[in-house]
């Protein structure tokens, strides 16, 4: 279910003029007064969704008002009532800085059929979400929509990935074309599981393009749910740094990976997260957008020695403060 909610974020917003802000959540605000941040914001719950132009125009004034920048405004569709969430993110002074790879400069490219299949899959997935069919079947190690049309395209994408895996590795590592790397990262998530696949997706998790990163990290999250043993192949520190990213999608996809990596309750993993990621985890756990907050809530519960069922029960019964206190050093 949580991966399905992440998928809603990934497909983005269409027909935005027909929607309104339902929730406003913040991240990166350590040391600032959250009430003052809300008061200074020119956007409010119930407003029609601000255009990209309006968000860009408001950014500089908001940065001056709060005394911190840069700031990012990210709109995510959709909550249960059909309204959207506005995430307000800001740079965290002193936080770990994510490292991104230099963009490759090679000429490797995918054929038009691969690009077209990907675009059809993304369109069908978006339509499924808007129809309320956001559920996923991740039981094969890659994501298949509950919607019949999107599922059929996902199976075709899997067939393509199996038949062209070597080509996907080459394009993802070498292509200067961002769209082609984006498609390759998504397709590799549908390829047969292997150490080479995991290594390629880990590398692409830090691509210069946020779209490539989004697809690669999401694929790793699904694979971890399918085969938890691959956690041993995934280095933790770079993903902790990514949890401090200004980009909301970096944080959203990374938290899904960390959620899967902490299910084993490895004490070293939990200790490292406690030492370096407690602030973003606590911020995310307090998001009013419950579907996006849940992974952070579970991780904090695991830090506190709670089983997931107890953590969920406490969260749903209004005892989030107890989980947040338990997650403190």
Protein backbone atom coordinates (compact mmCIF):
# COMPACT_ATOMS: atom_id res chain seq x y z
CA UNK A 1 0.00 0.00 0.00
CA UNK A 2 2.77 2.44 0.87
CA UNK A 3 4.49 1.82 -2.47
CA UNK A 4 1.20 2.46 -4.20
CA UNK A 5 0.96 5.82 -2.46
CA UNK A 6 4.49 6.62 -3.58
CA UNK A 7 3.45 5.79 -7.12
CA UNK A 8 0.72 8.39 -6.92
CA UNK A 9 3.41 10.95 -6.22
CA UNK A 10 5.55 9.71 -9.07
CA UNK A 11 2.92 10.10 -11.76
CA UNK A 12 2.56 13.77 -10.90
CA UNK A 13 -0.30 16.18 -11.50
CA UNK A 14 -2.59 16.52 -14.49
CA UNK A 15 -5.66 18.76 -14.83
CA UNK A 16 -4.24 20.76 -11.91
CA UNK A 17 -6.69 23.63 -12.35
CA UNK A 18 -9.50 21.33 -11.17
CA UNK A 19 -7.82 20.53 -7.86
CA UNK A 20 -7.15 22.26 -4.57
CA UNK A 21 -4.60 22.10 -1.76
CA UNK A 22 -5.75 19.66 0.91
CA UNK A 23 -2.59 19.40 3.03
CA UNK A 24 0.56 21.50 3.49
CA UNK A 25 3.59 19.71 4.91
CA UNK A 26 7.15 20.87 5.57
CA UNK A 27 10.66 19.42 5.70
CA UNK A 28 14.16 20.76 6.31
CA UNK A 29 12.91 23.25 8.90
CA UNK A 30 15.07 22.25 11.89
CA UNK A 31 15.67 25.29 14.09
CA UNK A 32 12.71 27.23 12.68
CA UNK A 33 9.23 27.79 14.12
CA UNK A 34 6.79 25.67 12.12
CA UNK A 35 3.82 27.92 12.96
CA UNK A 36 5.68 30.94 11.65
CA UNK A 37 6.60 29.03 8.51
CA UNK A 38 2.92 28.30 7.91
CA UNK A 39 1.91 31.90 8.62
CA UNK A 40 4.45 33.29 6.15
CA UNK A 41 3.40 30.94 3.37
CA UNK A 42 1.36 32.62 0.59
CA UNK A 43 -0.51 29.35 -0.10
CA UNK A 44 -3.20 27.88 2.13
CA UNK A 45 -5.28 24.74 2.50
CA UNK A 46 -8.33 25.09 0.28
CA UNK A 47 -6.60 27.28 -2.32
CA UNK A 48 -6.66 26.23 -5.94
CA UNK A 49 -3.37 24.61 -6.88
CA UNK A 50 -0.80 27.30 -7.63
CA UNK A 51 0.81 27.07 -11.04
CA UNK A 52 4.53 26.49 -11.41
CA UNK A 53 4.83 30.14 -12.35
CA UNK A 54 3.06 31.20 -9.14
CA UNK A 55 5.25 28.94 -7.05
CA UNK A 56 8.39 30.29 -8.67
CA UNK A 57 7.23 33.86 -8.15
CA UNK A 58 6.56 33.24 -4.45
CA UNK A 59 9.83 31.47 -3.71
CA UNK A 60 12.18 34.45 -3.24
CA UNK A 61 9.77 36.40 -1.04
CA UNK A 62 9.19 33.34 1.14
CA UNK A 63 12.92 32.72 1.51
CA UNK A 64 13.38 36.30 2.70
CA UNK A 65 10.46 36.01 5.10
CA UNK A 66 11.75 32.86 6.80
CA UNK A 67 15.46 33.67 6.57
CA UNK A 68 16.42 30.41 4.91
CA UNK A 69 16.87 29.18 1.38
CA UNK A 70 16.75 27.71 -1.09
CA UNK A 71 13.13 26.62 -0.77
CA UNK A 72 11.22 24.16 -2.96
CA UNK A 73 7.44 23.93 -3.42
CA UNK A 74 6.29 20.50 -4.62
CA UNK A 75 2.70 19.55 -5.40
CA UNK A 76 1.74 15.88 -5.06
CA UNK A 77 -1.50 14.21 -6.13
CA UNK A 78 -3.66 12.88 -4.53
CA UNK A 79 -5.11 12.40 -1.05
CA UNK A 80 -8.22 10.29 -0.48
CA UNK A 81 -10.51 13.27 -1.00
CA UNK A 82 -8.88 14.00 -4.37
CA UNK A 83 -7.06 17.09 -3.16
CA UNK A 84 -3.31 17.53 -3.39
CA UNK A 85 -0.49 18.04 -0.91
CA UNK A 86 1.88 20.97 -1.09
CA UNK A 87 5.28 20.06 0.33
CA UNK A 88 7.44 22.99 1.40
CA UNK A 89 11.10 22.00 1.60
CA UNK A 90 14.09 24.03 2.63
CA UNK A 91 17.83 23.59 2.80
CA UNK A 92 19.12 22.16 6.07
CA UNK A 93 22.27 23.98 7.26
CA UNK A 94 24.95 21.51 8.29
CA UNK A 95 23.09 18.46 6.99
CA UNK A 96 24.84 15.76 4.91
CA UNK A 97 24.94 16.81 1.27
CA UNK A 98 23.82 14.23 -1.31
CA UNK A 99 26.42 13.41 -3.92
CA UNK A 100 25.24 13.22 -7.51
CA UNK A 101 27.14 11.63 -10.39
CA UNK A 102 28.47 13.66 -13.27
CA UNK A 103 26.14 13.35 -16.25
CA UNK A 104 27.46 10.83 -18.81
CA UNK A 105 28.39 12.11 -22.24
CA UNK A 106 28.03 9.01 -24.40
CA UNK A 107 25.82 8.45 -27.42
CA UNK A 108 24.16 5.21 -26.28
CA UNK A 109 20.41 5.35 -26.87
CA UNK A 110 17.29 3.21 -26.68
CA UNK A 111 15.12 2.50 -29.72
CA UNK A 112 11.92 4.47 -30.22
CA UNK A 113 9.81 1.43 -29.28
CA UNK A 114 11.27 1.42 -25.75
CA UNK A 115 10.59 5.12 -25.24
CA UNK A 116 7.05 4.77 -26.57
CA UNK A 117 6.32 1.76 -24.38
CA UNK A 118 7.54 3.64 -21.31
CA UNK A 119 5.42 6.68 -22.15
CA UNK A 120 2.36 4.49 -22.65
CA UNK A 121 3.00 2.77 -19.33
CA UNK A 122 3.34 6.08 -17.48
CA UNK A 123 0.17 7.44 -19.08
CA UNK A 124 -1.81 4.30 -18.27
CA UNK A 125 -0.50 4.30 -14.69
CA UNK A 126 -1.50 7.93 -14.26
CA UNK A 127 -4.98 7.21 -15.59
CA UNK A 128 -5.29 4.23 -13.23
CA UNK A 129 -4.39 6.41 -10.24
CA UNK A 130 -6.91 9.06 -11.21
CA UNK A 131 -9.57 6.33 -11.43
CA UNK A 132 -8.73 5.20 -7.91
CA UNK A 133 -6.79 2.12 -9.00
CA UNK A 134 -3.49 2.89 -7.34
CA UNK A 135 -2.84 -0.60 -5.98
CA UNK A 136 0.23 -2.55 -7.05
CA UNK A 137 1.36 -6.14 -7.28
CA UNK A 138 5.08 -6.21 -6.39
CA UNK A 139 5.22 -9.98 -5.84
CA UNK A 140 7.49 -10.55 -8.85
CA UNK A 141 10.11 -7.99 -7.86
CA UNK A 142 8.73 -5.30 -10.16
CA UNK A 143 5.57 -3.21 -10.03
CA UNK A 144 2.42 -4.19 -11.85
CA UNK A 145 -0.68 -2.04 -11.58
CA UNK A 146 -4.01 -3.44 -10.42
CA UNK A 147 -5.52 -1.70 -13.45
CA UNK A 148 -5.77 -4.22 -16.33
CA UNK A 149 -4.57 -1.85 -19.06
CA UNK A 150 -1.59 -0.58 -17.07
CA UNK A 151 -0.76 -4.10 -15.89
CA UNK A 152 -0.68 -5.39 -19.48
CA UNK A 153 1.77 -2.64 -20.43
CA UNK A 154 3.87 -3.43 -17.37
CA UNK A 155 4.15 -7.04 -18.46
CA UNK A 156 5.23 -5.89 -21.93
CA UNK A 157 7.82 -3.64 -20.30
CA UNK A 158 9.10 -6.64 -18.34
CA UNK A 159 9.40 -8.66 -21.56
CA UNK A 160 11.37 -5.84 -23.16
CA UNK A 161 13.69 -5.55 -20.14
CA UNK A 162 14.41 -9.28 -20.13
CA UNK A 163 15.25 -9.27 -23.83
CA UNK A 164 17.38 -6.10 -23.78
CA UNK A 165 19.03 -6.06 -20.35
CA UNK A 166 22.58 -5.49 -21.65
CA UNK A 167 21.37 -2.54 -23.70
CA UNK A 168 19.67 -1.04 -20.65
CA UNK A 169 22.88 -1.26 -18.60
CA UNK A 170 24.82 0.51 -21.34
CA UNK A 171 22.32 3.31 -21.81
CA UNK A 172 21.93 3.94 -18.09
CA UNK A 173 25.69 4.18 -17.61
CA UNK A 174 26.68 6.03 -20.78
CA UNK A 175 23.85 8.01 -22.38
CA UNK A 176 23.92 11.78 -22.32
CA UNK A 177 20.18 11.78 -23.05
CA UNK A 178 18.29 12.17 -19.76
CA UNK A 179 15.05 10.68 -21.08
CA UNK A 180 16.84 7.56 -22.28
CA UNK A 181 18.53 7.10 -18.89
CA UNK A 182 15.16 7.66 -17.20
CA UNK A 183 13.57 4.91 -19.28
CA UNK A 184 16.54 2.59 -18.76
CA UNK A 185 16.38 3.05 -14.97
CA UNK A 186 12.68 2.19 -14.94
CA UNK A 187 13.15 -0.78 -17.25
CA UNK A 188 16.01 -2.23 -15.21
CA UNK A 189 13.59 -2.49 -12.31
CA UNK A 190 11.65 -4.94 -14.51
CA UNK A 191 14.73 -6.97 -15.46
CA UNK A 192 15.78 -10.26 -13.83
CA UNK A 193 17.30 -9.79 -10.39
CA UNK A 194 21.09 -9.92 -10.30
CA UNK A 195 24.05 -8.29 -8.57
CA UNK A 196 24.73 -6.32 -11.74
CA UNK A 197 21.16 -5.03 -11.72
CA UNK A 198 21.40 -3.88 -8.09
CA UNK A 199 24.77 -2.21 -8.68
CA UNK A 200 23.42 -0.34 -11.72
CA UNK A 201 20.36 0.85 -9.84
CA UNK A 202 22.46 1.95 -6.85
CA UNK A 203 24.68 3.97 -9.17
CA UNK A 204 21.65 5.47 -10.93
CA UNK A 205 20.18 6.41 -7.54
CA UNK A 206 22.64 9.30 -7.62
CA UNK A 207 22.22 10.30 -11.25
CA UNK A 208 22.47 13.99 -12.11
CA UNK A 209 18.81 13.84 -13.20
CA UNK A 210 16.09 13.74 -10.56
CA UNK A 211 13.86 11.72 -12.90
CA UNK A 212 16.52 9.02 -13.28
CA UNK A 213 17.10 8.97 -9.52
CA UNK A 214 13.37 8.68 -8.90
CA UNK A 215 13.01 5.60 -11.10
CA UNK A 216 16.15 3.89 -9.83
CA UNK A 217 15.45 4.37 -6.13
CA UNK A 218 11.84 3.31 -6.51
CA UNK A 219 12.94 0.13 -8.29
CA UNK A 220 15.32 -0.66 -5.43
CA UNK A 221 12.52 -0.21 -2.91
CA UNK A 222 10.36 -2.73 -4.75
CA UNK A 223 13.25 -5.17 -5.09
CA UNK A 224 14.04 -4.91 -1.37
CA UNK A 225 10.45 -5.79 -0.57
CA UNK A 226 10.72 -8.80 -2.85
CA UNK A 227 14.16 -9.97 -1.71
CA UNK A 228 15.38 -8.41 1.57
CA UNK A 229 18.79 -10.09 1.19
CA UNK A 230 19.84 -7.52 -1.41
CA UNK A 231 20.13 -4.97 1.43
CA UNK A 232 23.70 -6.23 1.86
CA UNK A 233 24.49 -4.82 -1.62
CA UNK A 234 23.16 -1.34 -0.86
CA UNK A 235 25.47 1.18 0.90
CA UNK A 236 23.61 3.05 3.61
CA UNK A 237 25.49 6.41 3.97
CA UNK A 238 24.65 7.82 0.51
CA UNK A 239 20.95 7.13 1.08
CA UNK A 240 21.07 8.80 4.48
CA UNK A 241 22.45 11.88 2.75
CA UNK A 242 19.66 11.62 0.19
CA UNK A 243 17.14 11.74 3.01
CA UNK A 244 18.34 15.32 3.56
CA UNK A 245 17.87 16.29 -0.10
CA UNK A 246 15.99 19.46 -0.98
CA UNK A 247 14.17 17.45 -3.66
CA UNK A 248 10.97 15.92 -2.24
CA UNK A 249 11.07 12.96 -4.63
CA UNK A 250 14.58 12.06 -3.43
CA UNK A 251 13.29 11.91 0.13
CA UNK A 252 10.08 10.09 -0.74
CA UNK A 253 11.75 7.31 -2.69
CA UNK A 254 14.67 7.01 -0.26
CA UNK A 255 12.39 6.57 2.74
CA UNK A 256 10.79 3.59 0.99
CA UNK A 257 14.23 2.00 0.57
CA UNK A 258 15.14 2.67 4.21
CA UNK A 259 11.79 1.30 5.35
CA UNK A 260 12.61 -2.00 3.67
CA UNK A 261 16.22 -2.00 4.92
CA UNK A 262 15.14 -1.57 8.56
CA UNK A 263 12.57 -4.36 8.61
CA UNK A 264 15.30 -6.77 9.74
CA UNK A 265 16.03 -4.40 12.65
CA UNK A 266 19.76 -4.61 12.01
CA UNK A 267 21.17 -2.70 15.02
CA UNK A 268 23.97 -1.15 12.96
CA UNK A 269 21.52 0.23 10.39
CA UNK A 270 19.21 1.60 13.07
CA UNK A 271 22.13 3.15 14.98
CA UNK A 272 23.42 4.87 11.85
CA UNK A 273 19.98 6.25 11.05
CA UNK A 274 19.57 7.44 14.64
CA UNK A 275 22.91 9.23 14.48
CA UNK A 276 22.51 10.87 11.07
CA UNK A 277 18.87 10.90 10.00
CA UNK A 278 16.74 11.42 13.09
CA UNK A 279 15.77 14.98 12.14
CA UNK A 280 14.35 14.23 8.67
CA UNK A 281 12.72 11.04 9.95
CA UNK A 282 10.91 12.92 12.72
CA UNK A 283 9.83 15.66 10.29
CA UNK A 284 8.48 13.14 7.82
CA UNK A 285 6.71 11.15 10.54
CA UNK A 286 4.74 14.29 11.43
CA UNK A 287 3.49 14.91 7.90
CA UNK A 288 -0.28 15.25 7.77
CA UNK A 289 -0.21 13.29 4.52
CA UNK A 290 -0.45 9.95 6.31
CA UNK A 291 0.52 7.73 3.41
CA UNK A 292 3.77 9.62 2.94
CA UNK A 293 4.50 9.70 6.69
CA UNK A 294 4.05 6.00 7.43
CA UNK A 295 7.49 4.71 6.42
CA UNK A 296 9.23 7.21 8.72
CA UNK A 297 6.83 6.28 11.53
CA UNK A 298 7.69 2.60 11.14
CA UNK A 299 11.44 3.31 11.13
CA UNK A 300 11.17 5.36 14.33
CA UNK A 301 9.10 2.58 15.90
CA UNK A 302 11.80 0.05 15.04
CA UNK A 303 14.40 2.34 16.63
CA UNK A 304 12.26 2.26 19.77
CA UNK A 305 12.06 -1.55 19.72
CA UNK A 306 8.37 -1.63 18.78
CA UNK A 307 6.91 -4.19 16.43
CA UNK A 308 5.23 -2.74 13.34
CA UNK A 309 1.71 -3.67 14.44
CA UNK A 310 2.15 -1.77 17.72
CA UNK A 311 3.65 1.20 15.90
CA UNK A 312 0.73 1.32 13.48
CA UNK A 313 -1.81 1.00 16.28
CA UNK A 314 -0.15 3.83 18.23
CA UNK A 315 -0.04 6.04 15.15
CA UNK A 316 -3.68 5.43 14.30
CA UNK A 317 -4.80 6.03 17.89
CA UNK A 318 -3.19 9.47 18.08
CA UNK A 319 -0.08 8.41 20.01
CA UNK A 320 2.46 9.64 17.48
CA UNK A 321 4.15 11.79 20.13
CA UNK A 322 5.05 8.65 22.05
CA UNK A 323 6.71 7.19 18.97
CA UNK A 324 8.58 10.44 18.34
CA UNK A 325 9.82 10.54 21.93
CA UNK A 326 10.85 6.90 21.76
CA UNK A 327 12.85 7.61 18.64
CA UNK A 328 14.99 10.24 20.36
CA UNK A 329 18.60 9.37 21.28
